[in-house]
C-alpha atoms as a PDB file:
ATOM      1  CA  MET A   1      88.197  71.012-219.409  1.00  0.00           C
ATOM      2  CA  THR A   2      91.592  71.793-221.140  1.00  0.00           C
ATOM      3  CA  ALA A   3      94.607  73.250-219.753  1.00  0.00           C
ATOM      4  CA  LEU A   4      94.098  76.834-220.504  1.00  0.00           C
ATOM      5  CA  LYS A   5      97.058  79.279-220.756  1.00  0.00           C
ATOM      6  CA  ILE A   6      96.091  82.918-220.001  1.00  0.00           C
ATOM      7  CA  ASN A   7      98.338  85.348-221.258  1.00  0.00           C
ATOM      8  CA  THR A   8      97.590  88.669-219.343  1.00  0.00           C
ATOM      9  CA  ASN A   9      98.655  92.381-220.150  1.00  0.00           C
ATOM     10  CA  PRO A  10      99.787  93.657-216.536  1.00  0.00           C
ATOM     11  CA  LYS A  11      97.930  96.839-217.442  1.00  0.00           C
ATOM     12  CA  VAL A  12      94.475  95.049-217.314  1.00  0.00           C
ATOM     13  CA  LYS A  13      94.698  94.770-213.282  1.00  0.00           C
ATOM     14  CA  SER A  14      95.220  98.541-213.209  1.00  0.00           C
ATOM     15  CA  VAL A  15      91.952  99.387-215.528  1.00  0.00           C
ATOM     16  CA  PHE A  16      89.743  96.942-213.056  1.00  0.00           C
ATOM     17  CA  ASN A  17      91.248  99.037-210.334  1.00  0.00           C
ATOM     18  CA  LYS A  18      89.914 102.342-211.805  1.00  0.00           C
ATOM     19  CA  TYR A  19      86.311 101.090-211.519  1.00  0.00           C
ATOM     20  CA  SER A  20      83.959 101.573-208.618  1.00  0.00           C
ATOM     21  CA  ASP A  21      83.843  98.574-206.442  1.00  0.00           C
ATOM     22  CA  VAL A  22      80.229  97.482-207.578  1.00  0.00           C
ATOM     23  CA  ILE A  23      81.100  97.671-211.271  1.00  0.00           C
ATOM     24  CA  LYS A  24      84.719  96.167-210.634  1.00  0.00           C
ATOM     25  CA  GLU A  25      82.883  93.173-208.886  1.00  0.00           C
ATOM     26  CA  LYS A  26      80.445  92.873-211.912  1.00  0.00           C
ATOM     27  CA  LEU A  27      83.102  92.918-214.561  1.00  0.00           C
ATOM     28  CA  LEU A  28      85.291  90.492-212.611  1.00  0.00           C
ATOM     29  CA  ASN A  29      82.561  88.066-212.527  1.00  0.00           C
ATOM     30  CA  LEU A  30      82.192  88.476-216.270  1.00  0.00           C
ATOM     31  CA  ARG A  31      85.897  88.118-216.898  1.00  0.00           C
ATOM     32  CA  GLN A  32      85.424  84.605-214.667  1.00  0.00           C
ATOM     33  CA  LEU A  33      82.764  83.621-216.995  1.00  0.00           C
ATOM     34  CA  ILE A  34      84.859  84.241-220.162  1.00  0.00           C
ATOM     35  CA  ILE A  35      87.856  82.299-218.341  1.00  0.00           C
ATOM     36  CA  GLU A  36      85.417  79.297-217.208  1.00  0.00           C
ATOM     37  CA  THR A  37      83.866  79.106-220.791  1.00  0.00           C
ATOM     38  CA  ALA A  38      87.227  79.123-222.698  1.00  0.00           C
ATOM     39  CA  LYS A  39      88.367  76.233-220.323  1.00  0.00           C
ATOM     40  CA  GLU A  40      85.094  74.257-221.341  1.00  0.00           C
ATOM     41  CA  ILE A  41      86.279  74.563-224.992  1.00  0.00           C
ATOM     42  CA  PRO A  42      88.821  71.829-225.994  1.00  0.00           C
ATOM     43  CA  GLU A  43      89.981  73.914-229.077  1.00  0.00           C
ATOM     44  CA  VAL A  44      90.889  76.795-226.991  1.00  0.00           C
ATOM     45  CA  THR A  45      94.086  76.591-225.361  1.00  0.00           C
ATOM     46  CA  VAL A  46      95.441  80.117-225.164  1.00  0.00           C
ATOM     47  CA  LEU A  47      93.355  83.144-224.049  1.00  0.00           C
ATOM     48  CA  GLU A  48      94.844  86.701-224.479  1.00  0.00           C
ATOM     49  CA  GLU A  49      93.779  89.144-221.817  1.00  0.00           C
ATOM     50  CA  THR A  50      94.514  92.542-223.011  1.00  0.00           C
ATOM     51  CA  LEU A  51      93.348  96.113-223.426  1.00  0.00           C
ATOM     52  CA  LYS A  52      91.632  97.340-226.726  1.00  0.00           C
ATOM     53  CA  TRP A  53      90.389 100.803-226.662  1.00  0.00           C
ATOM     54  CA  GLY A  54      91.605 100.815-223.165  1.00  0.00           C
ATOM     55  CA  GLU A  55      89.152  98.127-222.078  1.00  0.00           C
ATOM     56  CA  PRO A  56      89.634  94.522-220.880  1.00  0.00           C
ATOM     57  CA  SER A  57      89.580  92.280-223.932  1.00  0.00           C
ATOM     58  CA  TYR A  58      89.756  88.597-224.503  1.00  0.00           C
ATOM     59  CA  LEU A  59      90.703  87.098-227.750  1.00  0.00           C
ATOM     60  CA  THR A  60      91.540  83.430-228.979  1.00  0.00           C
ATOM     61  CA  LYS A  61      92.812  82.178-232.154  1.00  0.00           C
ATOM     62  CA  THR A  62      89.479  80.634-233.290  1.00  0.00           C
ATOM     63  CA  GLY A  63      87.556  83.651-232.063  1.00  0.00           C
ATOM     64  CA  SER A  64      86.186  87.076-232.215  1.00  0.00           C
ATOM     65  CA  THR A  65      87.299  89.708-229.573  1.00  0.00           C
ATOM     66  CA  ILE A  66      85.107  90.151-226.416  1.00  0.00           C
ATOM     67  CA  ARG A  67      85.490  93.410-224.422  1.00  0.00           C
ATOM     68  CA  ILE A  68      83.859  94.361-221.185  1.00  0.00           C
ATOM     69  CA  ASN A  69      83.533  97.833-219.644  1.00  0.00           C
ATOM     70  CA  ALA A  70      81.229  99.921-217.787  1.00  0.00           C
ATOM     71  CA  LYS A  71      78.584 102.347-219.705  1.00  0.00           C
ATOM     72  CA  LYS A  72      80.292 105.540-219.308  1.00  0.00           C
ATOM     73  CA  ASN A  73      76.935 107.386-219.728  1.00  0.00           C
ATOM     74  CA  SER A  74      75.091 105.068-217.330  1.00  0.00           C
ATOM     75  CA  PRO A  75      76.686 104.432-213.808  1.00  0.00           C
ATOM     76  CA  ASN A  76      74.380 101.670-213.360  1.00  0.00           C
ATOM     77  CA  GLN A  77      75.328  99.512-216.305  1.00  0.00           C
ATOM     78  CA  TYR A  78      77.861  97.589-217.800  1.00  0.00           C
ATOM     79  CA  ALA A  79      78.543  95.805-220.910  1.00  0.00           C
ATOM     80  CA  MET A  80      79.979  92.840-223.094  1.00  0.00           C
ATOM     81  CA  TYR A  81      81.055  94.087-226.630  1.00  0.00           C
ATOM     82  CA  PHE A  82      81.457  91.989-229.489  1.00  0.00           C
ATOM     83  CA  GLN A  83      82.571  93.014-233.246  1.00  0.00           C
ATOM     84  CA  CYS A  84      79.697  94.906-234.557  1.00  0.00           C
ATOM     85  CA  THR A  85      80.205  93.236-238.012  1.00  0.00           C
ATOM     86  CA  SER A  86      80.074  89.862-236.796  1.00  0.00           C
ATOM     87  CA  LYS A  87      76.926  87.812-236.666  1.00  0.00           C
ATOM     88  CA  LEU A  88      77.298  87.427-232.824  1.00  0.00           C
ATOM     89  CA  VAL A  89      74.900  89.950-231.265  1.00  0.00           C
ATOM     90  CA  PRO A  90      72.256  89.585-233.988  1.00  0.00           C
ATOM     91  CA  THR A  91      72.051  85.748-233.528  1.00  0.00           C
ATOM     92  CA  PHE A  92      72.108  86.318-229.823  1.00  0.00           C
ATOM     93  CA  LYS A  93      69.082  88.603-230.364  1.00  0.00           C
ATOM     94  CA  LEU A  94      67.388  85.887-232.143  1.00  0.00           C
ATOM     95  CA  ILE A  95      68.027  83.109-229.616  1.00  0.00           C
ATOM     96  CA  TYR A  96      68.026  85.036-226.610  1.00  0.00           C
ATOM     97  CA  ASN A  97      65.893  88.259-226.784  1.00  0.00           C
ATOM     98  CA  ASP A  98      64.086  87.645-223.443  1.00  0.00           C
ATOM     99  CA  LYS A  99      67.158  87.023-221.525  1.00  0.00           C
ATOM    100  CA  PHE A 100      69.323  90.048-222.412  1.00  0.00           C
ATOM    101  CA  SER A 101      69.270  93.811-223.227  1.00  0.00           C
ATOM    102  CA  PHE A 102      71.126  94.719-226.313  1.00  0.00           C
ATOM    103  CA  GLU A 103      72.896  97.699-227.650  1.00  0.00           C
ATOM    104  CA  GLY A 104      72.606  97.683-231.571  1.00  0.00           C
ATOM    105  CA  SER A 105      74.734  94.746-233.008  1.00  0.00           C
ATOM    106  CA  ARG A 106      77.646  95.224-230.671  1.00  0.00           C
ATOM    107  CA  ALA A 107      76.679  94.572-226.916  1.00  0.00           C
ATOM    108  CA  LEU A 108      75.025  92.791-224.240  1.00  0.00           C
ATOM    109  CA  VAL A 109      74.139  95.474-221.836  1.00  0.00           C
ATOM    110  CA  PHE A 110      73.550  94.629-217.899  1.00  0.00           C
ATOM    111  CA  ASN A 111      72.106  96.559-214.927  1.00  0.00           C
ATOM    112  CA  ILE A 112      74.123  96.422-211.835  1.00  0.00           C
ATOM    113  CA  ASN A 113      70.826  94.715-210.207  1.00  0.00           C
ATOM    114  CA  ASP A 114      70.457  92.115-212.866  1.00  0.00           C
ATOM    115  CA  GLU A 115      70.819  88.452-212.288  1.00  0.00           C
ATOM    116  CA  ILE A 116      73.061  87.439-215.050  1.00  0.00           C
ATOM    117  CA  PRO A 117      71.468  84.116-217.100  1.00  0.00           C
ATOM    118  CA  GLU A 118      74.842  82.542-216.856  1.00  0.00           C
ATOM    119  CA  THR A 119      74.033  79.510-218.902  1.00  0.00           C
ATOM    120  CA  ALA A 120      72.821  81.506-221.774  1.00  0.00           C
ATOM    121  CA  LEU A 121      75.735  83.896-221.298  1.00  0.00           C
ATOM    122  CA  LYS A 122      78.047  80.818-221.446  1.00  0.00           C
ATOM    123  CA  LYS A 123      76.546  79.708-224.979  1.00  0.00           C
ATOM    124  CA  CYS A 124      77.075  83.135-226.262  1.00  0.00           C
ATOM    125  CA  LEU A 125      80.826  83.326-224.999  1.00  0.00           C
ATOM    126  CA  SER A 126      81.452  79.933-226.468  1.00  0.00           C
ATOM    127  CA  ALA A 127      80.137  81.130-229.685  1.00  0.00           C
ATOM    128  CA  ALA A 128      82.275  84.168-229.580  1.00  0.00           C
ATOM    129  CA  LEU A 129      85.320  82.476-228.560  1.00  0.00           C
ATOM    130  CA  MET A 130      84.928  79.823-231.377  1.00  0.00           C
ATOM    131  CA  TYR A 131      83.397  82.438-233.654  1.00  0.00           C
ATOM    132  CA  HIS A 132      85.734  81.524-236.943  1.00  0.00           C
ATOM    133  CA  LYS A 133      84.972  77.775-236.376  1.00  0.00           C
ATOM    134  CA  VAL A 134      80.950  78.180-236.131  1.00  0.00           C
ATOM    135  CA  LYS A 135      80.103  81.511-237.998  1.00  0.00           C
ATOM    136  CA  HIS A 136      78.963  79.356-240.997  1.00  0.00           C
ATOM    137  CA  LEU A 137      76.652  77.155-238.786  1.00  0.00           C
ATOM    138  CA  PRO A 138      72.998  77.963-238.476  1.00  0.00           C
ATOM    139  CA  ASN A 139      72.646  80.024-235.216  1.00  0.00           C
ATOM    140  CA  LEU A 140      76.348  79.773-234.854  1.00  0.00           C
ATOM    141  CA  GLY A 141      75.824  76.396-233.418  1.00  0.00           C
ATOM    142  CA  ILE A 142      74.319  77.535-230.294  1.00  0.00           C
END
């Protein structure tokens, strides 16, 4: 594991505090998985935690932005968003179609009662955090 520096925008905490307790717990779990995965990648030394479109967002120099948020029109769902122009979600669909629910080419969608397949999700997160280094590899190196 690398010594990961996390630069957190203080406004992120206030956004988390606006969610219902159930959704907040689920989103904080996704946040923890993002941080854990980043720590496991030697090339990732800095993780930016900020807000994009008012949503908690995670960026690295080597990767593509990851955003997390509640699904506005579906109170029992929350999602992890990726750049829709990237190969990330289409690749995740190819490999993990049986493990995740998807929203187009931009998101993994979870129901609040879902058991998250953490091993598969961490492989997806690793590909996103290292996207600029793996986008040329078959299936993003997953």
